[in-house]
Every structure is written in structure tokens, then in C-alpha cells.
Protein backbone atom coordinates (compact mmCIF):
# COMPACT_ATOMS: atom_id res chain seq x y z
CA UNK A 1 0.00 0.00 0.00
CA UNK A 2 3.01 2.33 0.17
CA UNK A 3 3.07 2.45 -3.62
CA UNK A 4 -0.28 4.26 -3.93
CA UNK A 5 0.83 7.48 -2.13
CA UNK A 6 4.12 7.51 -4.05
CA UNK A 7 2.24 7.05 -7.32
CA UNK A 8 -0.14 9.91 -6.43
CA UNK A 9 2.75 12.27 -5.70
CA UNK A 10 4.48 11.22 -8.92
CA UNK A 11 1.29 11.87 -10.89
CA UNK A 12 0.90 15.35 -9.36
CA UNK A 13 4.53 16.12 -10.18
CA UNK A 14 4.06 15.13 -13.82
CA UNK A 15 0.90 17.13 -14.36
CA UNK A 16 2.21 20.39 -12.87
CA UNK A 17 0.01 23.42 -13.47
CA UNK A 18 -1.16 22.49 -16.95
CA UNK A 19 -3.65 19.78 -16.18
CA UNK A 20 -5.17 20.92 -12.92
CA UNK A 21 -8.75 19.71 -12.85
CA UNK A 22 -11.58 20.11 -10.45
CA UNK A 23 -13.83 17.27 -9.43
CA UNK A 24 -16.51 18.22 -12.00
CA UNK A 25 -14.34 18.69 -15.07
CA UNK A 26 -12.26 16.36 -17.18
CA UNK A 27 -10.13 18.36 -19.59
CA UNK A 28 -8.97 17.05 -22.95
CA UNK A 29 -5.24 17.05 -23.70
CA UNK A 30 -3.71 20.51 -24.09
CA UNK A 31 -4.31 21.91 -27.53
CA UNK A 32 -3.19 25.16 -29.13
CA UNK A 33 -6.20 26.39 -31.09
CA UNK A 34 -4.36 28.88 -33.28
CA UNK A 35 -1.66 27.58 -35.59
CA UNK A 36 1.45 29.52 -36.55
CA UNK A 37 0.52 32.06 -39.20
CA UNK A 38 -2.99 32.65 -37.82
CA UNK A 39 -3.96 36.20 -36.96
CA UNK A 40 -3.82 36.92 -33.24
CA UNK A 41 -7.50 37.61 -32.37
CA UNK A 42 -7.25 40.08 -29.47
CA UNK A 43 -7.64 43.77 -30.29
CA UNK A 44 -7.92 45.93 -27.18
CA UNK A 45 -7.73 44.72 -23.56
CA UNK A 46 -8.01 46.61 -20.30
CA UNK A 47 -5.23 46.12 -17.78
CA UNK A 48 -5.65 45.87 -14.00
CA UNK A 49 -5.20 49.66 -13.66
CA UNK A 50 -8.02 50.36 -16.11
CA UNK A 51 -5.68 51.32 -18.97
CA UNK A 52 -6.35 50.13 -22.55
CA UNK A 53 -3.80 47.83 -24.18
CA UNK A 54 -3.89 47.84 -27.97
CA UNK A 55 -2.79 44.49 -29.35
CA UNK A 56 -3.58 45.27 -32.98
CA UNK A 57 -0.67 47.67 -33.50
CA UNK A 58 1.54 46.80 -36.47
CA UNK A 59 5.33 46.91 -36.33
CA UNK A 60 5.43 45.57 -32.80
CA UNK A 61 6.07 41.99 -31.73
CA UNK A 62 4.00 40.65 -28.84
CA UNK A 63 4.48 38.13 -26.07
CA UNK A 64 1.24 37.02 -24.45
CA UNK A 65 1.68 35.10 -21.20
CA UNK A 66 -1.36 33.15 -20.02
CA UNK A 67 -0.67 32.25 -16.39
CA UNK A 68 -2.02 31.76 -12.88
CA UNK A 69 -0.54 33.41 -9.80
CA UNK A 70 -0.61 30.13 -7.82
CA UNK A 71 1.22 28.06 -10.48
CA UNK A 72 4.93 27.52 -9.80
CA UNK A 73 5.67 27.07 -13.53
CA UNK A 74 3.96 30.39 -14.24
CA UNK A 75 5.89 32.08 -11.44
CA UNK A 76 9.19 30.74 -12.78
CA UNK A 77 8.48 31.77 -16.39
CA UNK A 78 7.41 35.27 -15.36
CA UNK A 79 10.49 35.72 -13.15
CA UNK A 80 12.72 34.73 -16.08
CA UNK A 81 10.98 37.07 -18.50
CA UNK A 82 10.98 39.98 -16.04
CA UNK A 83 14.73 39.49 -15.40
CA UNK A 84 15.53 39.35 -19.13
CA UNK A 85 16.42 42.05 -21.63
CA UNK A 86 13.08 41.39 -23.37
CA UNK A 87 11.29 43.80 -21.03
CA UNK A 88 13.49 46.64 -22.33
CA UNK A 89 12.91 46.01 -26.04
CA UNK A 90 10.92 48.85 -27.58
CA UNK A 91 9.59 46.72 -30.44
CA UNK A 92 8.14 44.10 -28.07
CA UNK A 93 4.87 44.35 -26.17
CA UNK A 94 4.57 41.93 -23.25
CA UNK A 95 1.18 41.29 -21.66
CA UNK A 96 0.42 38.88 -18.84
CA UNK A 97 -3.11 37.47 -18.83
CA UNK A 98 -4.17 35.96 -15.52
CA UNK A 99 -6.37 32.93 -16.17
CA UNK A 100 -9.17 32.76 -13.59
CA UNK A 101 -7.59 35.72 -11.77
CA UNK A 102 -9.09 39.00 -10.59
CA UNK A 103 -7.70 42.52 -10.32
CA UNK A 104 -6.83 42.17 -6.61
CA UNK A 105 -4.81 38.95 -7.01
CA UNK A 106 -3.02 40.31 -10.08
CA UNK A 107 -2.23 43.64 -8.41
CA UNK A 108 -0.59 41.80 -5.51
CA UNK A 109 1.29 39.52 -7.93
CA UNK A 110 2.54 42.49 -9.99
CA UNK A 111 3.82 44.20 -6.85
CA UNK A 112 5.41 41.04 -5.42
CA UNK A 113 7.20 40.26 -8.69
CA UNK A 114 7.92 43.93 -9.53
CA UNK A 115 6.54 43.50 -13.03
CA UNK A 116 7.24 46.12 -15.66
CA UNK A 117 4.61 44.87 -18.10
CA UNK A 118 0.82 45.10 -17.81
CA UNK A 119 -1.46 42.37 -16.49
CA UNK A 120 -5.01 41.63 -17.60
CA UNK A 121 -7.57 39.70 -15.56
CA UNK A 122 -9.34 36.84 -17.34
CA UNK A 123 -11.63 35.57 -14.58
CA UNK A 124 -13.85 33.45 -16.82
CA UNK A 125 -11.19 32.20 -19.31
CA UNK A 126 -12.83 34.16 -22.12
CA UNK A 127 -9.45 35.32 -23.50
CA UNK A 128 -7.62 32.10 -22.70
CA UNK A 129 -10.13 29.93 -24.57
CA UNK A 130 -9.41 31.78 -27.80
CA UNK A 131 -5.90 30.30 -27.74
CA UNK A 132 -6.01 26.92 -26.01
CA UNK A 133 -8.14 24.49 -24.04
CA UNK A 134 -5.74 23.76 -21.16
CA UNK A 135 -2.28 24.36 -19.78
CA UNK A 136 -0.44 27.18 -18.10
CA UNK A 137 1.82 28.94 -18.46
CA UNK A 138 0.98 29.26 -22.14
CA UNK A 139 3.24 31.61 -24.09
CA UNK A 140 2.11 33.05 -27.40
CA UNK A 141 4.67 34.76 -29.64
CA UNK A 142 3.17 37.16 -32.19
CA UNK A 143 5.10 38.85 -35.00
CA UNK A 144 5.00 42.49 -36.09
CA UNK A 145 2.18 41.67 -38.55
CA UNK A 146 -0.01 40.35 -35.70
CA UNK A 147 0.41 36.74 -36.79
CA UNK A 148 1.16 33.93 -34.37
CA UNK A 149 4.72 32.70 -34.67
CA UNK A 150 4.53 30.08 -31.95
CA UNK A 151 2.50 29.02 -28.94
CA UNK A 152 3.78 26.63 -26.33
CA UNK A 153 3.30 25.35 -22.83
CA UNK A 154 6.16 26.74 -20.75
CA UNK A 155 6.43 24.03 -18.10
CA UNK A 156 10.18 23.91 -18.64
CA UNK A 157 13.08 25.03 -16.45
CA UNK A 158 14.24 27.80 -18.81
CA UNK A 159 11.81 29.50 -21.20
CA UNK A 160 14.26 32.08 -22.51
CA UNK A 161 15.83 29.99 -25.32
CA UNK A 162 12.29 29.26 -26.58
CA UNK A 163 11.42 32.93 -27.04
CA UNK A 164 12.45 33.31 -30.68
CA UNK A 165 10.32 35.20 -33.19
CA UNK A 166 11.65 33.32 -36.19
CA UNK A 167 9.20 33.87 -39.05
CA UNK A 168 7.13 30.87 -40.04
CA UNK A 169 7.82 29.85 -43.61
CA UNK A 170 4.67 29.18 -45.65
CA UNK A 171 4.09 25.54 -46.46
CA UNK A 172 5.48 24.54 -49.84
CA UNK A 173 2.80 23.73 -52.39
CA UNK A 174 2.48 20.08 -53.18
CA UNK A 175 2.32 18.84 -56.71
CA UNK A 176 0.63 15.67 -57.79
CA UNK A 177 1.83 13.54 -60.66
């Protein structure tokens, strides 16, 4: 019977923040709903201070961070991004979107982590569900033409090497013979 508790701990370790489920919900495997090359759908958001954030501006890359304040993977990814040179880049707009978070929890989080980028509350997953069905932290890289370059689940020790805005090459046409 000692194996059952060890197995339960192992299972919790493997699932991390991405597959947290409540007793009423069974979530399908994590799925990015927007493929590279798709237009990023968000236009204007309101941050936790009531300020508008325009996400439809051309000539500016974007990094959208879907996260939860309680998730250790989210905390790690945000610490790494905040400590990086990315936050100083003028051609990059970084926005944190708190999944199932409210203004009060995000305000405390922003102060605790001394964030230099805006946070947006997404208490009902309305924004989150436009990009994926499960998994946090979810990072979405958007190019200067407002097209998705890459989206990925950032449950990894170091997210920084993954933050590359390499343009997506269009698929080569196939020819039939």
C-alpha cells in the first residue's frame, strides 16, 4: 500500500500546473487552437489599472503570457521574462493574462514580482479559450504583422531559449503527378 501514495505524488509532479482539474471537469489534452501564421485575435484589452492595451498595432512583436498566480511554472516563467532584456525592447509588447484571476490577485502579484509589463484579468477564461483548451503557463509569440509565430506550454526550467520570433515559412505547395 506504500506504492499508492508515491504514485499519487508522482502523478501530481508530472501534471504540474497544466492539467489541474476540479472534481466536476475532465479536460482534454492541451491543444493550441491557433496555428502559426494565424492572426492573433485580441484587439484591445483593459489592464488591472483600467488602462487600454492595444494588441492590434503593427510593427510591434508581442508576447502574451497566459498564467495563474498560484502556479509555480507560471511564477518561474514570469520571473525569467521579467529578469531578461526582453522587457526593455521597444519593439516588443509583453502582456500577462491571468487565467481565472481577478484585479486584486493580479495587483498583488505584480507588486510582489515587480513587473514592468501590464497584467489583464481573465476571470472566466474568455481570453484564454481563444488560444487553447488547457495548460499554463501558455506563451504566445506574435510577430509584427499580428500573426502567431509560436504558442507553447512553458512548463520547462528555462523559457528564454524558446522565445524566438523566427518567421514561419509558408508551407510549400504540393504537386501531384
